[in-house]
Amino acid sequence: MDPRDPGTPPYGDALVSAAVVGELVETVGPEAALAFFERFAALWPVRRERLRGAIGRRDVTAGLDAALSLKSGACMAGAFTLAGAGDRLHALIGRGAAPTTATGLGPDAPWADAEALMAELDVLGERTVSALRGLAGDLRARTVEVPALGGPAPAVPLLAPTGVLPRSLGRAS
């Protein structure tokens, strides 16, 4: 199943793919997945300010780096809408490196578009972070301690997020 499939049950009005969340939990475990989502949420204000600063200074290198960081982190979290906005911003900043544009709008046009996209990104980023925080809370609530023989109990999820089966359980043998 492609996690970008629109039929995938989402978190936060389709802002976060439950399939990606389920696969991340299965791959790295619930504690590491929780840490990733919490770190992504905590880094949002830093990423936003790095982008805003780079765009304000017309700093192509810093802007490309910040946009790439946003889109790759968002993609790993299953936040494909935010990743798409990061990708559009990355393209606009890249066009800002050219002395003129093919459209004849002048060298500042991509930067003006990037500034306009930042206003949209502010709202989208906050909504996505809110969805990720909700997801982390759901995941934390679904995690129980299972006693292990002779050692501390590892945390395991009761269910995959929103009832999506991990890939290994959904495959035919």
N, C-alpha and C. Protein backbone atom coordinates (compact mmCIF):
# COMPACT_ATOMS: atom_id res chain seq x y z
N MET A 1 0.85 -1.19 0.00
CA MET A 1 0.00 0.00 0.00
C MET A 1 0.89 1.24 0.00
N ASP A 2 0.62 2.12 -0.93
CA ASP A 2 1.36 3.37 -1.01
C ASP A 2 0.83 4.32 0.06
N PRO A 3 1.69 4.82 0.97
CA PRO A 3 1.22 5.70 2.04
C PRO A 3 0.65 7.01 1.53
N ARG A 4 0.93 7.36 0.29
CA ARG A 4 0.38 8.60 -0.26
C ARG A 4 -0.98 8.37 -0.91
N ASP A 5 -1.45 7.12 -0.88
CA ASP A 5 -2.76 6.78 -1.43
C ASP A 5 -3.83 7.56 -0.70
N PRO A 6 -4.71 8.28 -1.41
CA PRO A 6 -5.73 9.08 -0.74
C PRO A 6 -6.71 8.25 0.09
N GLY A 7 -6.75 6.93 -0.13
CA GLY A 7 -7.65 6.09 0.64
C GLY A 7 -7.08 5.71 2.01
N THR A 8 -5.84 6.06 2.28
CA THR A 8 -5.22 5.74 3.56
C THR A 8 -5.89 6.52 4.67
N PRO A 9 -6.33 5.83 5.74
CA PRO A 9 -6.94 6.57 6.85
C PRO A 9 -5.95 7.58 7.42
N PRO A 10 -6.36 8.83 7.55
CA PRO A 10 -5.44 9.89 7.98
C PRO A 10 -5.59 10.27 9.44
N TYR A 11 -4.66 11.08 9.88
CA TYR A 11 -4.75 11.81 11.14
C TYR A 11 -4.91 13.27 10.77
N GLY A 12 -5.64 14.03 11.54
CA GLY A 12 -5.73 15.48 11.36
C GLY A 12 -6.23 15.90 10.00
N ASP A 13 -7.39 15.38 9.57
CA ASP A 13 -7.97 15.75 8.28
C ASP A 13 -6.98 15.55 7.14
N ALA A 14 -6.40 14.37 7.06
CA ALA A 14 -5.49 13.97 5.99
C ALA A 14 -4.13 14.67 6.04
N LEU A 15 -3.77 15.22 7.15
CA LEU A 15 -2.47 15.87 7.25
C LEU A 15 -1.35 14.87 7.53
N VAL A 16 -1.67 13.73 8.12
CA VAL A 16 -0.66 12.72 8.45
C VAL A 16 -1.20 11.36 8.03
N SER A 17 -0.40 10.61 7.29
CA SER A 17 -0.78 9.29 6.81
C SER A 17 -0.65 8.25 7.92
N ALA A 18 -1.76 7.58 8.22
CA ALA A 18 -1.75 6.52 9.23
C ALA A 18 -0.92 5.33 8.78
N ALA A 19 -0.85 5.08 7.47
CA ALA A 19 -0.05 3.96 6.97
C ALA A 19 1.44 4.19 7.26
N VAL A 20 1.89 5.41 7.06
CA VAL A 20 3.30 5.72 7.34
C VAL A 20 3.56 5.61 8.84
N VAL A 21 2.64 6.11 9.64
CA VAL A 21 2.78 6.02 11.09
C VAL A 21 2.88 4.55 11.51
N GLY A 22 1.97 3.73 11.01
CA GLY A 22 1.98 2.31 11.35
C GLY A 22 3.28 1.64 10.96
N GLU A 23 3.78 1.96 9.77
CA GLU A 23 5.03 1.36 9.32
C GLU A 23 6.21 1.85 10.15
N LEU A 24 6.22 3.12 10.52
CA LEU A 24 7.31 3.64 11.35
C LEU A 24 7.30 2.96 12.72
N VAL A 25 6.12 2.81 13.30
CA VAL A 25 6.01 2.13 14.60
C VAL A 25 6.51 0.69 14.48
N GLU A 26 6.13 0.03 13.41
CA GLU A 26 6.55 -1.36 13.21
C GLU A 26 8.06 -1.46 13.00
N THR A 27 8.61 -0.51 12.27
CA THR A 27 10.03 -0.56 11.91
C THR A 27 10.95 -0.20 13.08
N VAL A 28 10.66 0.90 13.77
CA VAL A 28 11.57 1.38 14.81
C VAL A 28 11.05 1.17 16.22
N GLY A 29 9.79 0.78 16.34
CA GLY A 29 9.19 0.58 17.66
C GLY A 29 8.46 1.83 18.11
N PRO A 30 7.51 1.65 19.04
CA PRO A 30 6.68 2.78 19.45
C PRO A 30 7.44 3.88 20.17
N GLU A 31 8.43 3.53 20.99
CA GLU A 31 9.16 4.58 21.72
C GLU A 31 9.95 5.46 20.78
N ALA A 32 10.64 4.86 19.82
CA ALA A 32 11.42 5.65 18.85
C ALA A 32 10.49 6.47 17.96
N ALA A 33 9.36 5.89 17.56
CA ALA A 33 8.40 6.63 16.73
C ALA A 33 7.86 7.83 17.50
N LEU A 34 7.51 7.62 18.76
CA LEU A 34 7.04 8.74 19.60
C LEU A 34 8.10 9.83 19.68
N ALA A 35 9.34 9.42 19.91
CA ALA A 35 10.43 10.41 20.01
C ALA A 35 10.57 11.18 18.70
N PHE A 36 10.43 10.49 17.57
CA PHE A 36 10.53 11.16 16.28
C PHE A 36 9.43 12.19 16.10
N PHE A 37 8.18 11.81 16.40
CA PHE A 37 7.06 12.74 16.24
C PHE A 37 7.19 13.93 17.18
N GLU A 38 7.62 13.68 18.41
CA GLU A 38 7.80 14.79 19.36
C GLU A 38 8.94 15.71 18.92
N ARG A 39 10.01 15.12 18.39
CA ARG A 39 11.14 15.94 17.92
C ARG A 39 10.73 16.76 16.69
N PHE A 40 9.96 16.14 15.77
CA PHE A 40 9.48 16.87 14.60
C PHE A 40 8.64 18.07 15.03
N ALA A 41 7.73 17.85 15.99
CA ALA A 41 6.87 18.93 16.48
C ALA A 41 7.70 20.03 17.14
N ALA A 42 8.69 19.64 17.92
CA ALA A 42 9.54 20.62 18.61
C ALA A 42 10.40 21.42 17.63
N LEU A 43 10.77 20.81 16.51
CA LEU A 43 11.61 21.49 15.52
C LEU A 43 10.83 22.41 14.58
N TRP A 44 9.51 22.28 14.56
CA TRP A 44 8.72 23.09 13.63
C TRP A 44 9.03 24.59 13.76
N PRO A 45 9.01 25.19 14.96
CA PRO A 45 9.29 26.64 15.03
C PRO A 45 10.69 26.99 14.52
N VAL A 46 11.66 26.13 14.75
CA VAL A 46 13.03 26.37 14.29
C VAL A 46 13.08 26.31 12.76
N ARG A 47 12.45 25.28 12.19
CA ARG A 47 12.43 25.15 10.73
C ARG A 47 11.73 26.35 10.09
N ARG A 48 10.61 26.75 10.67
CA ARG A 48 9.86 27.88 10.13
C ARG A 48 10.71 29.15 10.15
N GLU A 49 11.39 29.41 11.24
CA GLU A 49 12.21 30.63 11.34
C GLU A 49 13.42 30.57 10.43
N ARG A 50 14.01 29.38 10.26
CA ARG A 50 15.13 29.24 9.32
C ARG A 50 14.66 29.58 7.90
N LEU A 51 13.48 29.08 7.54
CA LEU A 51 12.93 29.38 6.21
C LEU A 51 12.63 30.86 6.06
N ARG A 52 11.95 31.40 7.05
CA ARG A 52 11.58 32.82 6.99
C ARG A 52 12.84 33.71 6.90
N GLY A 53 13.84 33.40 7.69
CA GLY A 53 15.08 34.18 7.66
C GLY A 53 15.80 34.08 6.33
N ALA A 54 15.89 32.86 5.79
CA ALA A 54 16.58 32.67 4.51
C ALA A 54 15.85 33.41 3.39
N ILE A 55 14.53 33.34 3.41
CA ILE A 55 13.75 34.05 2.38
C ILE A 55 13.92 35.55 2.53
N GLY A 56 13.88 36.05 3.75
CA GLY A 56 14.05 37.48 3.99
C GLY A 56 15.41 37.99 3.55
N ARG A 57 16.45 37.18 3.72
CA ARG A 57 17.81 37.56 3.33
C ARG A 57 18.12 37.22 1.87
N ARG A 58 17.17 36.51 1.21
CA ARG A 58 17.38 36.03 -0.17
C ARG A 58 18.60 35.10 -0.21
N ASP A 59 18.72 34.26 0.82
CA ASP A 59 19.84 33.34 0.96
C ASP A 59 19.44 31.99 0.36
N VAL A 60 19.86 31.76 -0.87
CA VAL A 60 19.47 30.55 -1.59
C VAL A 60 19.97 29.30 -0.88
N THR A 61 21.23 29.26 -0.49
CA THR A 61 21.80 28.07 0.13
C THR A 61 21.08 27.70 1.42
N ALA A 62 20.91 28.68 2.30
CA ALA A 62 20.22 28.41 3.57
C ALA A 62 18.75 28.06 3.33
N GLY A 63 18.13 28.71 2.37
CA GLY A 63 16.73 28.44 2.06
C GLY A 63 16.52 27.05 1.50
N LEU A 64 17.40 26.64 0.58
CA LEU A 64 17.29 25.29 0.02
C LEU A 64 17.49 24.24 1.11
N ASP A 65 18.46 24.48 1.98
CA ASP A 65 18.72 23.54 3.07
C ASP A 65 17.53 23.45 4.02
N ALA A 66 16.97 24.59 4.40
CA ALA A 66 15.83 24.60 5.32
C ALA A 66 14.59 23.96 4.70
N ALA A 67 14.34 24.24 3.41
CA ALA A 67 13.18 23.65 2.72
C ALA A 67 13.35 22.14 2.57
N LEU A 68 14.57 21.70 2.28
CA LEU A 68 14.83 20.27 2.16
C LEU A 68 14.66 19.58 3.51
N SER A 69 15.11 20.21 4.57
CA SER A 69 14.93 19.66 5.91
C SER A 69 13.45 19.50 6.24
N LEU A 70 12.67 20.52 5.91
CA LEU A 70 11.23 20.47 6.16
C LEU A 70 10.57 19.35 5.36
N LYS A 71 10.84 19.32 4.06
CA LYS A 71 10.12 18.35 3.23
C LYS A 71 10.56 16.92 3.53
N SER A 72 11.83 16.68 3.83
CA SER A 72 12.24 15.30 4.13
C SER A 72 11.71 14.85 5.49
N GLY A 73 11.77 15.73 6.49
CA GLY A 73 11.22 15.37 7.80
C GLY A 73 9.73 15.14 7.75
N ALA A 74 9.02 16.01 7.02
CA ALA A 74 7.56 15.87 6.91
C ALA A 74 7.20 14.58 6.18
N CYS A 75 7.95 14.25 5.14
CA CYS A 75 7.70 13.02 4.41
C CYS A 75 7.91 11.80 5.31
N MET A 76 8.96 11.79 6.09
CA MET A 76 9.23 10.68 7.01
C MET A 76 8.12 10.55 8.04
N ALA A 77 7.50 11.66 8.43
CA ALA A 77 6.41 11.64 9.41
C ALA A 77 5.07 11.32 8.77
N GLY A 78 5.04 11.19 7.44
CA GLY A 78 3.78 10.93 6.76
C GLY A 78 2.95 12.18 6.57
N ALA A 79 3.55 13.34 6.75
CA ALA A 79 2.86 14.62 6.60
C ALA A 79 3.06 15.10 5.16
N PHE A 80 2.39 14.44 4.22
CA PHE A 80 2.64 14.68 2.80
C PHE A 80 2.17 16.03 2.31
N THR A 81 1.16 16.60 2.92
CA THR A 81 0.71 17.94 2.52
C THR A 81 1.78 18.96 2.86
N LEU A 82 2.33 18.86 4.08
CA LEU A 82 3.41 19.76 4.49
C LEU A 82 4.66 19.51 3.66
N ALA A 83 4.96 18.25 3.37
CA ALA A 83 6.12 17.93 2.53
C ALA A 83 5.95 18.54 1.14
N GLY A 84 4.73 18.51 0.60
CA GLY A 84 4.47 19.11 -0.70
C GLY A 84 4.68 20.62 -0.69
N ALA A 85 4.24 21.26 0.39
CA ALA A 85 4.47 22.71 0.51
C ALA A 85 5.96 23.00 0.63
N GLY A 86 6.69 22.16 1.36
CA GLY A 86 8.14 22.31 1.45
C GLY A 86 8.81 22.13 0.10
N ASP A 87 8.29 21.20 -0.70
CA ASP A 87 8.82 20.97 -2.03
C ASP A 87 8.58 22.19 -2.93
N ARG A 88 7.37 22.77 -2.86
CA ARG A 88 7.08 23.98 -3.65
C ARG A 88 7.99 25.13 -3.22
N LEU A 89 8.20 25.25 -1.92
CA LEU A 89 9.08 26.31 -1.41
C LEU A 89 10.52 26.08 -1.88
N HIS A 90 10.96 24.83 -1.87
CA HIS A 90 12.30 24.48 -2.34
C HIS A 90 12.46 24.90 -3.80
N ALA A 91 11.46 24.63 -4.62
CA ALA A 91 11.52 25.01 -6.04
C ALA A 91 11.55 26.53 -6.21
N LEU A 92 10.74 27.24 -5.45
CA LEU A 92 10.73 28.71 -5.54
C LEU A 92 12.07 29.30 -5.14
N ILE A 93 12.64 28.79 -4.06
CA ILE A 93 13.94 29.30 -3.61
C ILE A 93 15.01 29.00 -4.64
N GLY A 94 14.95 27.81 -5.24
CA GLY A 94 15.90 27.46 -6.30
C GLY A 94 15.80 28.40 -7.49
N ARG A 95 14.56 28.79 -7.83
CA ARG A 95 14.39 29.75 -8.93
C ARG A 95 14.89 31.13 -8.53
N GLY A 96 14.92 31.42 -7.24
CA GLY A 96 15.43 32.70 -6.77
C GLY A 96 16.92 32.85 -7.00
N ALA A 97 17.61 31.73 -7.30
CA ALA A 97 19.04 31.78 -7.57
C ALA A 97 19.33 32.34 -8.95
N ALA A 98 18.37 32.26 -9.86
CA ALA A 98 18.56 32.74 -11.23
C ALA A 98 18.46 34.26 -11.27
N PRO A 99 19.30 34.92 -12.06
CA PRO A 99 19.25 36.39 -12.12
C PRO A 99 17.95 36.91 -12.74
N THR A 100 17.34 36.14 -13.63
CA THR A 100 16.04 36.50 -14.20
C THR A 100 15.23 35.24 -14.33
N THR A 101 13.93 35.37 -14.52
CA THR A 101 13.09 34.19 -14.68
C THR A 101 12.61 34.10 -16.11
N ALA A 102 12.24 32.91 -16.52
CA ALA A 102 11.76 32.69 -17.89
C ALA A 102 10.44 33.42 -18.14
N THR A 103 9.72 33.74 -17.08
CA THR A 103 8.43 34.41 -17.25
C THR A 103 8.59 35.91 -17.46
N GLY A 104 9.79 36.43 -17.27
CA GLY A 104 10.00 37.86 -17.42
C GLY A 104 9.53 38.67 -16.23
N LEU A 105 9.24 38.00 -15.12
CA LEU A 105 8.75 38.71 -13.94
C LEU A 105 9.87 39.35 -13.13
N GLY A 106 11.10 39.04 -13.46
CA GLY A 106 12.20 39.63 -12.72
C GLY A 106 12.71 38.70 -11.63
N PRO A 107 13.89 38.98 -11.10
CA PRO A 107 14.54 38.07 -10.16
C PRO A 107 13.85 37.97 -8.79
N ASP A 108 13.04 38.94 -8.41
CA ASP A 108 12.40 38.89 -7.09
C ASP A 108 11.08 38.13 -7.09
N ALA A 109 10.55 37.78 -8.26
CA ALA A 109 9.26 37.10 -8.32
C ALA A 109 9.24 35.79 -7.53
N PRO A 110 10.24 34.91 -7.68
CA PRO A 110 10.20 33.68 -6.89
C PRO A 110 10.26 33.95 -5.39
N TRP A 111 11.01 34.97 -5.00
CA TRP A 111 11.11 35.31 -3.58
C TRP A 111 9.78 35.83 -3.05
N ALA A 112 9.09 36.64 -3.84
CA ALA A 112 7.78 37.14 -3.43
C ALA A 112 6.79 35.98 -3.30
N ASP A 113 6.87 35.02 -4.23
CA ASP A 113 6.02 33.84 -4.15
C ASP A 113 6.37 32.99 -2.92
N ALA A 114 7.66 32.91 -2.62
CA ALA A 114 8.10 32.15 -1.43
C ALA A 114 7.58 32.82 -0.16
N GLU A 115 7.62 34.15 -0.11
CA GLU A 115 7.09 34.87 1.05
C GLU A 115 5.59 34.61 1.21
N ALA A 116 4.86 34.60 0.10
CA ALA A 116 3.42 34.33 0.15
C ALA A 116 3.16 32.89 0.62
N LEU A 117 3.97 31.96 0.14
CA LEU A 117 3.83 30.56 0.55
C LEU A 117 4.13 30.39 2.03
N MET A 118 5.03 31.20 2.57
CA MET A 118 5.34 31.10 4.00
C MET A 118 4.12 31.38 4.86
N ALA A 119 3.27 32.30 4.45
CA ALA A 119 2.04 32.58 5.22
C ALA A 119 1.15 31.34 5.24
N GLU A 120 1.05 30.67 4.11
CA GLU A 120 0.28 29.43 4.02
C GLU A 120 0.94 28.33 4.86
N LEU A 121 2.26 28.28 4.78
CA LEU A 121 3.03 27.26 5.50
C LEU A 121 2.90 27.42 7.02
N ASP A 122 2.80 28.65 7.49
CA ASP A 122 2.61 28.89 8.93
C ASP A 122 1.38 28.15 9.44
N VAL A 123 0.28 28.30 8.74
CA VAL A 123 -0.98 27.68 9.15
C VAL A 123 -0.90 26.16 8.97
N LEU A 124 -0.43 25.72 7.83
CA LEU A 124 -0.33 24.29 7.55
C LEU A 124 0.60 23.60 8.53
N GLY A 125 1.72 24.24 8.83
CA GLY A 125 2.68 23.66 9.77
C GLY A 125 2.08 23.51 11.16
N GLU A 126 1.38 24.53 11.63
CA GLU A 126 0.76 24.45 12.95
C GLU A 126 -0.30 23.35 13.00
N ARG A 127 -1.10 23.24 11.95
CA ARG A 127 -2.13 22.20 11.91
C ARG A 127 -1.50 20.81 11.87
N THR A 128 -0.42 20.67 11.11
CA THR A 128 0.26 19.39 11.01
C THR A 128 0.90 19.01 12.34
N VAL A 129 1.55 19.95 12.98
CA VAL A 129 2.16 19.68 14.29
C VAL A 129 1.10 19.30 15.30
N SER A 130 -0.04 19.96 15.25
CA SER A 130 -1.14 19.61 16.14
C SER A 130 -1.61 18.17 15.89
N ALA A 131 -1.72 17.79 14.62
CA ALA A 131 -2.10 16.42 14.27
C ALA A 131 -1.05 15.43 14.76
N LEU A 132 0.23 15.76 14.60
CA LEU A 132 1.30 14.87 15.06
C LEU A 132 1.30 14.73 16.59
N ARG A 133 1.02 15.83 17.27
CA ARG A 133 0.93 15.74 18.74
C ARG A 133 -0.25 14.86 19.16
N GLY A 134 -1.36 14.98 18.46
CA GLY A 134 -2.51 14.11 18.73
C GLY A 134 -2.17 12.65 18.46
N LEU A 135 -1.48 12.42 17.37
CA LEU A 135 -1.05 11.08 17.00
C LEU A 135 -0.13 10.52 18.09
N ALA A 136 0.81 11.32 18.57
CA ALA A 136 1.73 10.86 19.62
C ALA A 136 0.95 10.51 20.88
N GLY A 137 -0.05 11.32 21.22
CA GLY A 137 -0.88 11.02 22.38
C GLY A 137 -1.65 9.73 22.20
N ASP A 138 -2.20 9.52 20.99
CA ASP A 138 -2.91 8.28 20.70
C ASP A 138 -1.97 7.08 20.80
N LEU A 139 -0.79 7.23 20.23
CA LEU A 139 0.18 6.15 20.25
C LEU A 139 0.62 5.84 21.68
N ARG A 140 0.84 6.88 22.46
CA ARG A 140 1.22 6.69 23.86
C ARG A 140 0.12 5.95 24.63
N ALA A 141 -1.13 6.32 24.36
CA ALA A 141 -2.26 5.68 25.04
C ALA A 141 -2.44 4.23 24.62
N ARG A 142 -2.02 3.89 23.42
CA ARG A 142 -2.18 2.52 22.92
C ARG A 142 -1.00 1.63 23.26
N THR A 143 0.00 2.17 23.92
CA THR A 143 1.19 1.41 24.26
C THR A 143 1.03 0.89 25.68
N VAL A 144 1.28 -0.40 25.85
CA VAL A 144 1.18 -1.02 27.18
C VAL A 144 2.48 -1.72 27.50
N GLU A 145 2.68 -1.94 28.75
CA GLU A 145 3.85 -2.68 29.18
C GLU A 145 3.54 -4.18 29.12
N VAL A 146 4.41 -4.93 28.48
CA VAL A 146 4.29 -6.38 28.42
C VAL A 146 5.47 -6.95 29.17
N PRO A 147 5.22 -7.76 30.23
CA PRO A 147 6.33 -8.27 31.03
C PRO A 147 7.27 -9.16 30.21
N ALA A 148 8.55 -8.92 30.34
CA ALA A 148 9.56 -9.76 29.70
C ALA A 148 10.21 -10.61 30.78
N LEU A 149 10.66 -11.78 30.40
CA LEU A 149 11.30 -12.66 31.36
C LEU A 149 12.66 -12.11 31.74
N GLY A 150 12.85 -11.85 33.03
CA GLY A 150 14.14 -11.43 33.54
C GLY A 150 14.59 -10.04 33.16
N GLY A 151 13.72 -9.15 32.76
CA GLY A 151 14.16 -7.82 32.42
C GLY A 151 13.02 -6.84 32.42
N PRO A 152 13.32 -5.57 32.12
CA PRO A 152 12.26 -4.56 32.08
C PRO A 152 11.28 -4.86 30.95
N ALA A 153 10.07 -4.46 31.14
CA ALA A 153 9.03 -4.70 30.15
C ALA A 153 9.16 -3.73 28.99
N PRO A 154 9.24 -4.25 27.74
CA PRO A 154 9.27 -3.35 26.59
C PRO A 154 7.88 -2.84 26.29
N ALA A 155 7.80 -1.66 25.73
CA ALA A 155 6.51 -1.08 25.34
C ALA A 155 6.15 -1.60 23.96
N VAL A 156 4.91 -2.00 23.76
CA VAL A 156 4.44 -2.44 22.46
C VAL A 156 3.08 -1.81 22.20
N PRO A 157 2.78 -1.52 20.95
CA PRO A 157 1.47 -0.92 20.67
C PRO A 157 0.38 -1.96 20.75
N LEU A 158 -0.79 -1.54 21.26
CA LEU A 158 -1.95 -2.42 21.28
C LEU A 158 -2.47 -2.62 19.86
N LEU A 159 -2.59 -1.53 19.11
CA LEU A 159 -3.09 -1.54 17.73
C LEU A 159 -2.25 -0.58 16.92
N ALA A 160 -2.21 -0.83 15.65
CA ALA A 160 -1.59 0.17 14.77
C ALA A 160 -2.49 1.40 14.77
N PRO A 161 -1.94 2.59 14.58
CA PRO A 161 -2.76 3.81 14.59
C PRO A 161 -3.94 3.71 13.64
N THR A 162 -5.07 4.16 14.06
CA THR A 162 -6.36 4.16 13.37
C THR A 162 -6.75 2.80 12.80
N GLY A 163 -6.26 1.73 13.44
CA GLY A 163 -6.68 0.40 13.04
C GLY A 163 -6.00 -0.12 11.78
N VAL A 164 -5.01 0.55 11.25
CA VAL A 164 -4.31 0.09 10.06
C VAL A 164 -3.34 -1.00 10.48
N LEU A 165 -3.40 -2.13 9.81
CA LEU A 165 -2.50 -3.22 10.14
C LEU A 165 -1.10 -2.90 9.64
N PRO A 166 -0.08 -3.23 10.43
CA PRO A 166 1.28 -3.07 9.91
C PRO A 166 1.41 -3.91 8.64
N ARG A 167 2.30 -3.54 7.75
CA ARG A 167 2.45 -4.22 6.48
C ARG A 167 2.69 -5.71 6.64
N SER A 168 3.48 -6.11 7.64
CA SER A 168 3.79 -7.52 7.80
C SER A 168 2.56 -8.33 8.15
N LEU A 169 1.55 -7.72 8.77
CA LEU A 169 0.33 -8.43 9.12
C LEU A 169 -0.68 -8.41 7.98
N GLY A 170 -0.56 -7.48 7.08
CA GLY A 170 -1.53 -7.34 6.00
C GLY A 170 -1.15 -8.07 4.74
N ARG A 171 0.05 -8.67 4.67
CA ARG A 171 0.52 -9.34 3.47
C ARG A 171 0.07 -10.80 3.45
N ALA A 172 -0.21 -11.27 2.27
CA ALA A 172 -0.50 -12.69 2.11
C ALA A 172 0.81 -13.45 2.02
N SER A 173 0.86 -14.62 2.59
CA SER A 173 2.11 -15.42 2.57
C SER A 173 2.25 -16.16 1.28
